[in-house]
Amino acid sequence: FYRRRQDNGGRKAGNLADFCTNWGHMYDFMVVLDADSLMG
């Protein structure tokens, strides 16, 4: 999925908070990465 926030308040922390607020109830866990991260 791809989502672009209209208001980027709070920087990365705000970005993750927005995800949790709107879609967090659907997930038990989230794997948090950076833009330059890679994970097997």
PDB file of all heavy atoms in Angstrom:
ATOM      1  N   PHE A   1       0.845  -1.194   0.000  1.00  0.00           N
ATOM      2  CA  PHE A   1       0.000   0.000   0.000  1.00  0.00           C
ATOM      3  C   PHE A   1       0.886   1.251   0.000  1.00  0.00           C
ATOM      4  O   PHE A   1       2.002   1.242   0.522  1.00  0.00           O
ATOM      5  CB  PHE A   1      -0.918   0.023   1.222  1.00  0.00           C
ATOM      6  CG  PHE A   1      -1.851  -1.150   1.309  1.00  0.00           C
ATOM      7  CD1 PHE A   1      -1.545  -2.237   2.115  1.00  0.00           C
ATOM      8  CD2 PHE A   1      -3.039  -1.180   0.582  1.00  0.00           C
ATOM      9  CE1 PHE A   1      -2.401  -3.322   2.208  1.00  0.00           C
ATOM     10  CE2 PHE A   1      -3.898  -2.260   0.662  1.00  0.00           C
ATOM     11  CZ  PHE A   1      -3.571  -3.342   1.471  1.00  0.00           C
ATOM     12  N   TYR A   2       0.350   2.304  -0.584  1.00  0.00           N
ATOM     13  CA  TYR A   2       1.050   3.598  -0.609  1.00  0.00           C
ATOM     14  C   TYR A   2       0.089   4.666  -0.114  1.00  0.00           C
ATOM     15  O   TYR A   2      -1.066   4.740  -0.547  1.00  0.00           O
ATOM     16  CB  TYR A   2       1.502   3.925  -2.031  1.00  0.00           C
ATOM     17  CG  TYR A   2       1.999   5.344  -2.230  1.00  0.00           C
ATOM     18  CD1 TYR A   2       3.303   5.698  -1.892  1.00  0.00           C
ATOM     19  CD2 TYR A   2       1.160   6.324  -2.747  1.00  0.00           C
ATOM     20  CE1 TYR A   2       3.759   7.000  -2.079  1.00  0.00           C
ATOM     21  CE2 TYR A   2       1.606   7.626  -2.927  1.00  0.00           C
ATOM     22  CZ  TYR A   2       2.907   7.962  -2.595  1.00  0.00           C
ATOM     23  OH  TYR A   2       3.347   9.245  -2.770  1.00  0.00           O
ATOM     24  N   ARG A   3       0.562   5.484   0.813  1.00  0.00           N
ATOM     25  CA  ARG A   3      -0.252   6.590   1.339  1.00  0.00           C
ATOM     26  C   ARG A   3       0.618   7.829   1.475  1.00  0.00           C
ATOM     27  O   ARG A   3       1.731   7.764   2.004  1.00  0.00           O
ATOM     28  CB  ARG A   3      -0.830   6.208   2.707  1.00  0.00           C
ATOM     29  CG  ARG A   3      -1.704   7.283   3.347  1.00  0.00           C
ATOM     30  CD  ARG A   3      -0.935   8.346   4.124  1.00  0.00           C
ATOM     31  NE  ARG A   3      -0.547   7.961   5.460  1.00  0.00           N
ATOM     32  CZ  ARG A   3       0.609   8.254   5.997  1.00  0.00           C
ATOM     33  NH1 ARG A   3       1.548   8.881   5.280  1.00  0.00           N
ATOM     34  NH2 ARG A   3       0.905   7.900   7.225  1.00  0.00           N
ATOM     35  N   ARG A   4       0.118   8.970   0.974  1.00  0.00           N
ATOM     36  CA  ARG A   4       0.835  10.233   1.170  1.00  0.00           C
ATOM     37  C   ARG A   4       0.000  11.138   2.058  1.00  0.00           C
ATOM     38  O   ARG A   4      -1.159  11.429   1.756  1.00  0.00           O
ATOM     39  CB  ARG A   4       1.120  10.934  -0.151  1.00  0.00           C
ATOM     40  CG  ARG A   4       2.091  12.122   0.020  1.00  0.00           C
ATOM     41  CD  ARG A   4       2.414  12.777  -1.305  1.00  0.00           C
ATOM     42  NE  ARG A   4       1.341  13.616  -1.791  1.00  0.00           N
ATOM     43  CZ  ARG A   4       1.191  14.902  -1.454  1.00  0.00           C
ATOM     44  NH1 ARG A   4       2.047  15.471  -0.623  1.00  0.00           N
ATOM     45  NH2 ARG A   4       0.202  15.597  -1.952  1.00  0.00           N
ATOM     46  N   ARG A   5       0.635  11.594   3.154  1.00  0.00           N
ATOM     47  CA  ARG A   5      -0.070  12.484   4.077  1.00  0.00           C
ATOM     48  C   ARG A   5      -0.175  13.885   3.496  1.00  0.00           C
ATOM     49  O   ARG A   5       0.790  14.397   2.911  1.00  0.00           O
ATOM     50  CB  ARG A   5       0.713  12.589   5.393  1.00  0.00           C
ATOM     51  CG  ARG A   5       0.218  11.694   6.477  1.00  0.00           C
ATOM     52  CD  ARG A   5       0.635  12.138   7.859  1.00  0.00           C
ATOM     53  NE  ARG A   5       2.039  12.466   8.042  1.00  0.00           N
ATOM     54  CZ  ARG A   5       2.516  13.088   9.134  1.00  0.00           C
ATOM     55  NH1 ARG A   5       1.689  13.422  10.113  1.00  0.00           N
ATOM     56  NH2 ARG A   5       3.791  13.351   9.247  1.00  0.00           N
ATOM     57  N   GLN A   6      -1.301  14.512   3.675  1.00  0.00           N
ATOM     58  CA  GLN A   6      -1.463  15.896   3.238  1.00  0.00           C
ATOM     59  C   GLN A   6      -0.759  16.860   4.190  1.00  0.00           C
ATOM     60  O   GLN A   6      -0.239  17.893   3.776  1.00  0.00           O
ATOM     61  CB  GLN A   6      -2.961  16.248   3.144  1.00  0.00           C
ATOM     62  CG  GLN A   6      -3.709  15.406   2.124  1.00  0.00           C
ATOM     63  CD  GLN A   6      -3.135  15.535   0.725  1.00  0.00           C
ATOM     64  OE1 GLN A   6      -2.847  16.634   0.255  1.00  0.00           O
ATOM     65  NE2 GLN A   6      -2.947  14.393   0.058  1.00  0.00           N
ATOM     66  N   ASP A   7      -0.755  16.532   5.472  1.00  0.00           N
ATOM     67  CA  ASP A   7      -0.112  17.376   6.477  1.00  0.00           C
ATOM     68  C   ASP A   7       0.976  16.541   7.147  1.00  0.00           C
ATOM     69  O   ASP A   7       0.687  15.519   7.771  1.00  0.00           O
ATOM     70  CB  ASP A   7      -1.144  17.827   7.511  1.00  0.00           C
ATOM     71  CG  ASP A   7      -0.523  18.601   8.670  1.00  0.00           C
ATOM     72  OD1 ASP A   7       0.660  19.001   8.553  1.00  0.00           O
ATOM     73  OD2 ASP A   7      -1.210  18.792   9.686  1.00  0.00           O
ATOM     74  N   ASN A   8       2.232  16.964   7.014  1.00  0.00           N
ATOM     75  CA  ASN A   8       3.314  16.151   7.568  1.00  0.00           C
ATOM     76  C   ASN A   8       3.783  16.638   8.930  1.00  0.00           C
ATOM     77  O   ASN A   8       4.965  16.608   9.257  1.00  0.00           O
ATOM     78  CB  ASN A   8       4.497  16.083   6.592  1.00  0.00           C
ATOM     79  CG  ASN A   8       5.207  17.420   6.444  1.00  0.00           C
ATOM     80  OD1 ASN A   8       4.601  18.458   6.638  1.00  0.00           O
ATOM     81  ND2 ASN A   8       6.482  17.381   6.081  1.00  0.00           N
ATOM     82  N   GLY A   9       2.845  17.079   9.745  1.00  0.00           N
ATOM     83  CA  GLY A   9       3.178  17.499  11.098  1.00  0.00           C
ATOM     84  C   GLY A   9       3.776  16.371  11.910  1.00  0.00           C
ATOM     85  O   GLY A   9       3.380  15.213  11.803  1.00  0.00           O
ATOM     86  N   GLY A  10       4.763  16.701  12.739  1.00  0.00           N
ATOM     87  CA  GLY A  10       5.379  15.714  13.606  1.00  0.00           C
ATOM     88  C   GLY A  10       6.469  14.888  12.959  1.00  0.00           C
ATOM     89  O   GLY A  10       7.011  13.975  13.582  1.00  0.00           O
ATOM     90  N   ARG A  11       6.771  15.169  11.685  1.00  0.00           N
ATOM     91  CA  ARG A  11       7.842  14.469  10.966  1.00  0.00           C
ATOM     92  C   ARG A  11       7.617  12.953  11.013  1.00  0.00           C
ATOM     93  O   ARG A  11       6.489  12.493  10.878  1.00  0.00           O
ATOM     94  CB  ARG A  11       9.206  14.856  11.537  1.00  0.00           C
ATOM     95  CG  ARG A  11       9.471  16.374  11.507  1.00  0.00           C
ATOM     96  CD  ARG A  11      10.771  16.721  12.201  1.00  0.00           C
ATOM     97  NE  ARG A  11      10.989  18.155  12.241  1.00  0.00           N
ATOM     98  CZ  ARG A  11      10.458  18.959  13.170  1.00  0.00           C
ATOM     99  NH1 ARG A  11       9.688  18.467  14.114  1.00  0.00           N
ATOM    100  NH2 ARG A  11      10.683  20.254  13.138  1.00  0.00           N
ATOM    101  N   LYS A  12       8.683  12.171  11.174  1.00  0.00           N
ATOM    102  CA  LYS A  12       8.539  10.713  11.131  1.00  0.00           C
ATOM    103  C   LYS A  12       7.635  10.212  12.247  1.00  0.00           C
ATOM    104  O   LYS A  12       6.801   9.310  12.036  1.00  0.00           O
ATOM    105  CB  LYS A  12       9.905  10.036  11.217  1.00  0.00           C
ATOM    106  CG  LYS A  12       9.823   8.520  11.174  1.00  0.00           C
ATOM    107  CD  LYS A  12      11.200   7.874  11.265  1.00  0.00           C
ATOM    108  CE  LYS A  12      11.093   6.353  11.321  1.00  0.00           C
ATOM    109  NZ  LYS A  12      12.413   5.705  11.400  1.00  0.00           N
ATOM    110  N   ALA A  13       7.789  10.763  13.454  1.00  0.00           N
ATOM    111  CA  ALA A  13       6.945  10.326  14.566  1.00  0.00           C
ATOM    112  C   ALA A  13       5.478  10.596  14.261  1.00  0.00           C
ATOM    113  O   ALA A  13       4.602   9.770  14.552  1.00  0.00           O
ATOM    114  CB  ALA A  13       7.365  11.037  15.851  1.00  0.00           C
ATOM    115  N   GLY A  14       5.200  11.757  13.660  1.00  0.00           N
ATOM    116  CA  GLY A  14       3.823  12.063  13.282  1.00  0.00           C
ATOM    117  C   GLY A  14       3.315  11.152  12.183  1.00  0.00           C
ATOM    118  O   GLY A  14       2.122  10.793  12.146  1.00  0.00           O
ATOM    119  N   ASN A  15       4.199  10.781  11.271  1.00  0.00           N
ATOM    120  CA  ASN A  15       3.834   9.875  10.185  1.00  0.00           C
ATOM    121  C   ASN A  15       3.408   8.517  10.753  1.00  0.00           C
ATOM    122  O   ASN A  15       2.370   7.957  10.368  1.00  0.00           O
ATOM    123  CB  ASN A  15       5.027   9.723   9.240  1.00  0.00           C
ATOM    124  CG  ASN A  15       4.641   9.176   7.873  1.00  0.00           C
ATOM    125  OD1 ASN A  15       3.506   8.793   7.631  1.00  0.00           O
ATOM    126  ND2 ASN A  15       5.602   9.154   6.975  1.00  0.00           N
ATOM    127  N   LEU A  16       4.199   7.989  11.672  1.00  0.00           N
ATOM    128  CA  LEU A  16       3.863   6.706  12.290  1.00  0.00           C
ATOM    129  C   LEU A  16       2.608   6.824  13.152  1.00  0.00           C
ATOM    130  O   LEU A  16       1.778   5.900  13.185  1.00  0.00           O
ATOM    131  CB  LEU A  16       5.035   6.210  13.135  1.00  0.00           C
ATOM    132  CG  LEU A  16       6.280   5.766  12.365  1.00  0.00           C
ATOM    133  CD1 LEU A  16       7.413   5.425  13.329  1.00  0.00           C
ATOM    134  CD2 LEU A  16       5.967   4.572  11.480  1.00  0.00           C
ATOM    135  N   ALA A  17       2.461   7.950  13.854  1.00  0.00           N
ATOM    136  CA  ALA A  17       1.261   8.136  14.672  1.00  0.00           C
ATOM    137  C   ALA A  17       0.012   8.177  13.795  1.00  0.00           C
ATOM    138  O   ALA A  17      -1.037   7.623  14.157  1.00  0.00           O
ATOM    139  CB  ALA A  17       1.385   9.424  15.492  1.00  0.00           C
ATOM    140  N   ASP A  18       0.111   8.827  12.637  1.00  0.00           N
ATOM    141  CA  ASP A  18      -1.017   8.869  11.707  1.00  0.00           C
ATOM    142  C   ASP A  18      -1.377   7.459  11.235  1.00  0.00           C
ATOM    143  O   ASP A  18      -2.553   7.093  11.158  1.00  0.00           O
ATOM    144  CB  ASP A  18      -0.671   9.745  10.511  1.00  0.00           C
ATOM    145  CG  ASP A  18      -1.762   9.765   9.458  1.00  0.00           C
ATOM    146  OD1 ASP A  18      -2.713  10.553   9.602  1.00  0.00           O
ATOM    147  OD2 ASP A  18      -1.656   8.973   8.498  1.00  0.00           O
ATOM    148  N   PHE A  19      -0.373   6.650  10.932  1.00  0.00           N
ATOM    149  CA  PHE A  19      -0.645   5.277  10.518  1.00  0.00           C
ATOM    150  C   PHE A  19      -1.333   4.504  11.638  1.00  0.00           C
ATOM    151  O   PHE A  19      -2.334   3.805  11.414  1.00  0.00           O
ATOM    152  CB  PHE A  19       0.658   4.566  10.131  1.00  0.00           C
ATOM    153  CG  PHE A  19       0.492   3.086   9.945  1.00  0.00           C
ATOM    154  CD1 PHE A  19      -0.045   2.582   8.770  1.00  0.00           C
ATOM    155  CD2 PHE A  19       0.825   2.201  10.966  1.00  0.00           C
ATOM    156  CE1 PHE A  19      -0.228   1.214   8.607  1.00  0.00           C
ATOM    157  CE2 PHE A  19       0.649   0.836  10.803  1.00  0.00           C
ATOM    158  CZ  PHE A  19       0.117   0.341   9.626  1.00  0.00           C
ATOM    159  N   CYS A  20      -0.803   4.621  12.856  1.00  0.00           N
ATOM    160  CA  CYS A  20      -1.394   3.890  13.978  1.00  0.00           C
ATOM    161  C   CYS A  20      -2.824   4.340  14.242  1.00  0.00           C
ATOM    162  O   CYS A  20      -3.714   3.516  14.493  1.00  0.00           O
ATOM    163  CB  CYS A  20      -0.542   4.082  15.230  1.00  0.00           C
ATOM    164  SG  CYS A  20       1.053   3.230  15.173  1.00  0.00           S
ATOM    165  N   THR A  21      -3.065   5.644  14.181  1.00  0.00           N
ATOM    166  CA  THR A  21      -4.398   6.168  14.452  1.00  0.00           C
ATOM    167  C   THR A  21      -5.419   5.647  13.447  1.00  0.00           C
ATOM    168  O   THR A  21      -6.542   5.276  13.803  1.00  0.00           O
ATOM    169  CB  THR A  21      -4.363   7.707  14.430  1.00  0.00           C
ATOM    170  OG1 THR A  21      -3.507   8.178  15.470  1.00  0.00           O
ATOM    171  CG2 THR A  21      -5.753   8.286  14.621  1.00  0.00           C
ATOM    172  N   ASN A  22      -5.036   5.605  12.179  1.00  0.00           N
ATOM    173  CA  ASN A  22      -6.000   5.267  11.136  1.00  0.00           C
ATOM    174  C   ASN A  22      -6.055   3.784  10.789  1.00  0.00           C
ATOM    175  O   ASN A  22      -7.108   3.286  10.380  1.00  0.00           O
ATOM    176  CB  ASN A  22      -5.679   6.077   9.872  1.00  0.00           C
ATOM    177  CG  ASN A  22      -5.996   7.546  10.040  1.00  0.00           C
ATOM    178  OD1 ASN A  22      -7.136   7.921  10.255  1.00  0.00           O
ATOM    179  ND2 ASN A  22      -4.973   8.386   9.971  1.00  0.00           N
ATOM    180  N   TRP A  23      -4.911   3.081  10.921  1.00  0.00           N
ATOM    181  CA  TRP A  23      -4.892   1.674  10.507  1.00  0.00           C
ATOM    182  C   TRP A  23      -4.321   0.730  11.559  1.00  0.00           C
ATOM    183  O   TRP A  23      -4.309  -0.474  11.366  1.00  0.00           O
ATOM    184  CB  TRP A  23      -4.089   1.530   9.207  1.00  0.00           C
ATOM    185  CG  TRP A  23      -4.746   2.245   8.065  1.00  0.00           C
ATOM    186  CD1 TRP A  23      -5.853   1.840   7.364  1.00  0.00           C
ATOM    187  CD2 TRP A  23      -4.361   3.495   7.506  1.00  0.00           C
ATOM    188  NE1 TRP A  23      -6.182   2.765   6.409  1.00  0.00           N
ATOM    189  CE2 TRP A  23      -5.274   3.795   6.456  1.00  0.00           C
ATOM    190  CE3 TRP A  23      -3.336   4.404   7.771  1.00  0.00           C
ATOM    191  CZ2 TRP A  23      -5.191   4.949   5.702  1.00  0.00           C
ATOM    192  CZ3 TRP A  23      -3.247   5.560   7.021  1.00  0.00           C
ATOM    193  CH2 TRP A  23      -4.170   5.828   5.994  1.00  0.00           C
ATOM    194  N   GLY A  24      -3.847   1.293  12.667  1.00  0.00           N
ATOM    195  CA  GLY A  24      -3.210   0.454  13.675  1.00  0.00           C
ATOM    196  C   GLY A  24      -4.125  -0.598  14.259  1.00  0.00           C
ATOM    197  O   GLY A  24      -3.671  -1.678  14.655  1.00  0.00           O
ATOM    198  N   HIS A  25      -5.442  -0.329  14.316  1.00  0.00           N
ATOM    199  CA  HIS A  25      -6.363  -1.297  14.913  1.00  0.00           C
ATOM    200  C   HIS A  25      -6.428  -2.596  14.122  1.00  0.00           C
ATOM    201  O   HIS A  25      -6.892  -3.617  14.629  1.00  0.00           O
ATOM    202  CB  HIS A  25      -7.764  -0.692  14.995  1.00  0.00           C
ATOM    203  CG  HIS A  25      -8.409  -0.470  13.664  1.00  0.00           C
ATOM    204  ND1 HIS A  25      -8.021   0.551  12.824  1.00  0.00           N
ATOM    205  CD2 HIS A  25      -9.393  -1.156  13.016  1.00  0.00           C
ATOM    206  CE1 HIS A  25      -8.744   0.494  11.701  1.00  0.00           C
ATOM    207  NE2 HIS A  25      -9.588  -0.528  11.800  1.00  0.00           N
ATOM    208  N   MET A  26      -5.949  -2.579  12.862  1.00  0.00           N
ATOM    209  CA  MET A  26      -6.006  -3.777  12.018  1.00  0.00           C
ATOM    210  C   MET A  26      -4.786  -4.677  12.193  1.00  0.00           C
ATOM    211  O   MET A  26      -4.762  -5.792  11.665  1.00  0.00           O
ATOM    212  CB  MET A  26      -6.111  -3.371  10.554  1.00  0.00           C
ATOM    213  CG  MET A  26      -7.363  -2.599  10.208  1.00  0.00           C
ATOM    214  SD  MET A  26      -7.535  -2.437   8.429  1.00  0.00           S
ATOM    215  CE  MET A  26      -7.654  -4.151   7.927  1.00  0.00           C
ATOM    216  N   TYR A  27      -3.772  -4.208  12.928  1.00  0.00           N
ATOM    217  CA  TYR A  27      -2.511  -4.940  12.989  1.00  0.00           C
ATOM    218  C   TYR A  27      -2.082  -5.161  14.435  1.00  0.00           C
ATOM    219  O   TYR A  27      -2.295  -4.314  15.304  1.00  0.00           O
ATOM    220  CB  TYR A  27      -1.417  -4.177  12.234  1.00  0.00           C
ATOM    221  CG  TYR A  27      -1.721  -4.056  10.761  1.00  0.00           C
ATOM    222  CD1 TYR A  27      -2.356  -2.930  10.248  1.00  0.00           C
ATOM    223  CD2 TYR A  27      -1.419  -5.095   9.887  1.00  0.00           C
ATOM    224  CE1 TYR A  27      -2.671  -2.829   8.893  1.00  0.00           C
ATOM    225  CE2 TYR A  27      -1.726  -5.007   8.541  1.00  0.00           C
ATOM    226  CZ  TYR A  27      -2.352  -3.876   8.051  1.00  0.00           C
ATOM    227  OH  TYR A  27      -2.658  -3.797   6.709  1.00  0.00           O
ATOM    228  N   ASP A  28      -1.473  -6.307  14.666  1.00  0.00           N
ATOM    229  CA  ASP A  28      -0.903  -6.610  15.980  1.00  0.00           C
ATOM    230  C   ASP A  28       0.495  -6.020  16.127  1.00  0.00           C
ATOM    231  O   ASP A  28       0.875  -5.579  17.212  1.00  0.00           O
ATOM    232  CB  ASP A  28      -0.840  -8.132  16.171  1.00  0.00           C
ATOM    233  CG  ASP A  28      -2.207  -8.774  16.097  1.00  0.00           C
ATOM    234  OD1 ASP A  28      -2.954  -8.684  17.082  1.00  0.00           O
ATOM    235  OD2 ASP A  28      -2.533  -9.351  15.040  1.00  0.00           O
ATOM    236  N   PHE A  29       1.257  -6.026  15.029  1.00  0.00           N
ATOM    237  CA  PHE A  29       2.651  -5.573  15.077  1.00  0.00           C
ATOM    238  C   PHE A  29       2.955  -4.708  13.862  1.00  0.00           C
ATOM    239  O   PHE A  29       2.291  -4.817  12.822  1.00  0.00           O
ATOM    240  CB  PHE A  29       3.610  -6.777  15.084  1.00  0.00           C
ATOM    241  CG  PHE A  29       3.195  -7.890  15.988  1.00  0.00           C
ATOM    242  CD1 PHE A  29       2.785  -9.120  15.460  1.00  0.00           C
ATOM    243  CD2 PHE A  29       3.185  -7.728  17.362  1.00  0.00           C
ATOM    244  CE1 PHE A  29       2.378 -10.156  16.283  1.00  0.00           C
ATOM    245  CE2 PHE A  29       2.781  -8.757  18.200  1.00  0.00           C
ATOM    246  CZ  PHE A  29       2.377  -9.974  17.655  1.00  0.00           C
ATOM    247  N   MET A  30       3.955  -3.850  14.012  1.00  0.00           N
ATOM    248  CA  MET A  30       4.486  -3.142  12.850  1.00  0.00           C
ATOM    249  C   MET A  30       6.010  -3.200  12.896  1.00  0.00           C
ATOM    250  O   MET A  30       6.625  -2.999  13.940  1.00  0.00           O
ATOM    251  CB  MET A  30       3.988  -1.698  12.769  1.00  0.00           C
ATOM    252  CG  MET A  30       4.387  -0.784  13.886  1.00  0.00           C
ATOM    253  SD  MET A  30       3.800   0.920  13.554  1.00  0.00           S
ATOM    254  CE  MET A  30       4.329   1.744  15.068  1.00  0.00           C
ATOM    255  N   VAL A  31       6.575  -3.529  11.739  1.00  0.00           N
ATOM    256  CA  VAL A  31       8.025  -3.505  11.569  1.00  0.00           C
ATOM    257  C   VAL A  31       8.369  -2.126  11.020  1.00  0.00           C
ATOM    258  O   VAL A  31       7.957  -1.768   9.914  1.00  0.00           O
ATOM    259  CB  VAL A  31       8.493  -4.611  10.607  1.00  0.00           C
ATOM    260  CG1 VAL A  31       9.996  -4.493  10.364  1.00  0.00           C
ATOM    261  CG2 VAL A  31       8.148  -5.984  11.163  1.00  0.00           C
ATOM    262  N   VAL A  32       9.088  -1.344  11.803  1.00  0.00           N
ATOM    263  CA  VAL A  32       9.392   0.044  11.448  1.00  0.00           C
ATOM    264  C   VAL A  32      10.750   0.093  10.750  1.00  0.00           C
ATOM    265  O   VAL A  32      11.757  -0.378  11.284  1.00  0.00           O
ATOM    266  CB  VAL A  32       9.399   0.943  12.699  1.00  0.00           C
ATOM    267  CG1 VAL A  32       9.686   2.391  12.308  1.00  0.00           C
ATOM    268  CG2 VAL A  32       8.079   0.837  13.443  1.00  0.00           C
ATOM    269  N   LEU A  33      10.751   0.667   9.558  1.00  0.00           N
ATOM    270  CA  LEU A  33      11.986   0.797   8.778  1.00  0.00           C
ATOM    271  C   LEU A  33      12.263   2.265   8.481  1.00  0.00           C
ATOM    272  O   LEU A  33      11.400   3.122   8.656  1.00  0.00           O
ATOM    273  CB  LEU A  33      11.863   0.020   7.465  1.00  0.00           C
ATOM    274  CG  LEU A  33      11.558  -1.478   7.571  1.00  0.00           C
ATOM    275  CD1 LEU A  33      11.339  -2.067   6.195  1.00  0.00           C
ATOM    276  CD2 LEU A  33      12.678  -2.212   8.291  1.00  0.00           C
ATOM    277  N   ASP A  34      13.474   2.552   8.038  1.00  0.00           N
ATOM    278  CA  ASP A  34      13.823   3.856   7.485  1.00  0.00           C
ATOM    279  C   ASP A  34      13.784   3.772   5.969  1.00  0.00           C
ATOM    280  O   ASP A  34      13.720   2.678   5.392  1.00  0.00           O
ATOM    281  CB  ASP A  34      15.221   4.281   7.939  1.00  0.00           C
ATOM    282  CG  ASP A  34      15.165   5.328   9.043  1.00  0.00           C
ATOM    283  OD1 ASP A  34      14.054   5.745   9.413  1.00  0.00           O
ATOM    284  OD2 ASP A  34      16.237   5.714   9.536  1.00  0.00           O
ATOM    285  N   ALA A  35      13.876   4.925   5.318  1.00  0.00           N
ATOM    286  CA  ALA A  35      13.828   4.940   3.855  1.00  0.00           C
ATOM    287  C   ALA A  35      14.980   4.172   3.234  1.00  0.00           C
ATOM    288  O   ALA A  35      14.868   3.692   2.104  1.00  0.00           O
ATOM    289  CB  ALA A  35      13.826   6.382   3.353  1.00  0.00           C
ATOM    290  N   ASP A  36      16.099   4.046   3.946  1.00  0.00           N
ATOM    291  CA  ASP A  36      17.258   3.327   3.404  1.00  0.00           C
ATOM    292  C   ASP A  36      17.428   1.949   4.034  1.00  0.00           C
ATOM    293  O   ASP A  36      18.488   1.332   3.931  1.00  0.00           O
ATOM    294  CB  ASP A  36      18.537   4.143   3.592  1.00  0.00           C
ATOM    295  CG  ASP A  36      18.804   4.490   5.056  1.00  0.00           C
ATOM    296  OD1 ASP A  36      17.998   4.090   5.916  1.00  0.00           O
ATOM    297  OD2 ASP A  36      19.818   5.150   5.333  1.00  0.00           O
ATOM    298  N   SER A  37      16.377   1.445   4.684  1.00  0.00           N
ATOM    299  CA  SER A  37      16.454   0.150   5.349  1.00  0.00           C
ATOM    300  C   SER A  37      16.137  -0.988   4.388  1.00  0.00           C
ATOM    301  O   SER A  37      15.419  -0.817   3.398  1.00  0.00           O
ATOM    302  CB  SER A  37      15.459   0.088   6.523  1.00  0.00           C
ATOM    303  OG  SER A  37      15.777   1.014   7.531  1.00  0.00           O
ATOM    304  N   LEU A  38      16.648  -2.152   4.737  1.00  0.00           N
ATOM    305  CA  LEU A  38      16.307  -3.387   4.033  1.00  0.00           C
ATOM    306  C   LEU A  38      16.309  -4.495   5.069  1.00  0.00           C
ATOM    307  O   LEU A  38      17.177  -4.542   5.943  1.00  0.00           O
ATOM    308  CB  LEU A  38      17.329  -3.691   2.934  1.00  0.00           C
ATOM    309  CG  LEU A  38      17.056  -4.923   2.071  1.00  0.00           C
ATOM    310  CD1 LEU A  38      15.822  -4.712   1.197  1.00  0.00           C
ATOM    311  CD2 LEU A  38      18.270  -5.244   1.188  1.00  0.00           C
ATOM    312  N   MET A  39      15.322  -5.391   4.980  1.00  0.00           N
ATOM    313  CA  MET A  39      15.228  -6.479   5.934  1.00  0.00           C
ATOM    314  C   MET A  39      14.797  -7.746   5.222  1.00  0.00           C
ATOM    315  O   MET A  39      13.893  -7.720   4.373  1.00  0.00           O
ATOM    316  CB  MET A  39      14.240  -6.128   7.056  1.00  0.00           C
ATOM    317  CG  MET A  39      14.241  -7.111   8.218  1.00  0.00           C
ATOM    318  SD  MET A  39      13.186  -6.582   9.594  1.00  0.00           S
ATOM    319  CE  MET A  39      14.148  -5.224  10.264  1.00  0.00           C
ATOM    320  N   GLY A  40      15.433  -8.858   5.544  1.00  0.00           N
ATOM    321  CA  GLY A  40      15.094 -10.131   4.932  1.00  0.00           C
ATOM    322  C   GLY A  40      13.785 -10.690   5.449  1.00  0.00           C
ATOM    323  O   GLY A  40      13.397 -10.449   6.607  1.00  0.00           O
TER     324      GLY A  40
END
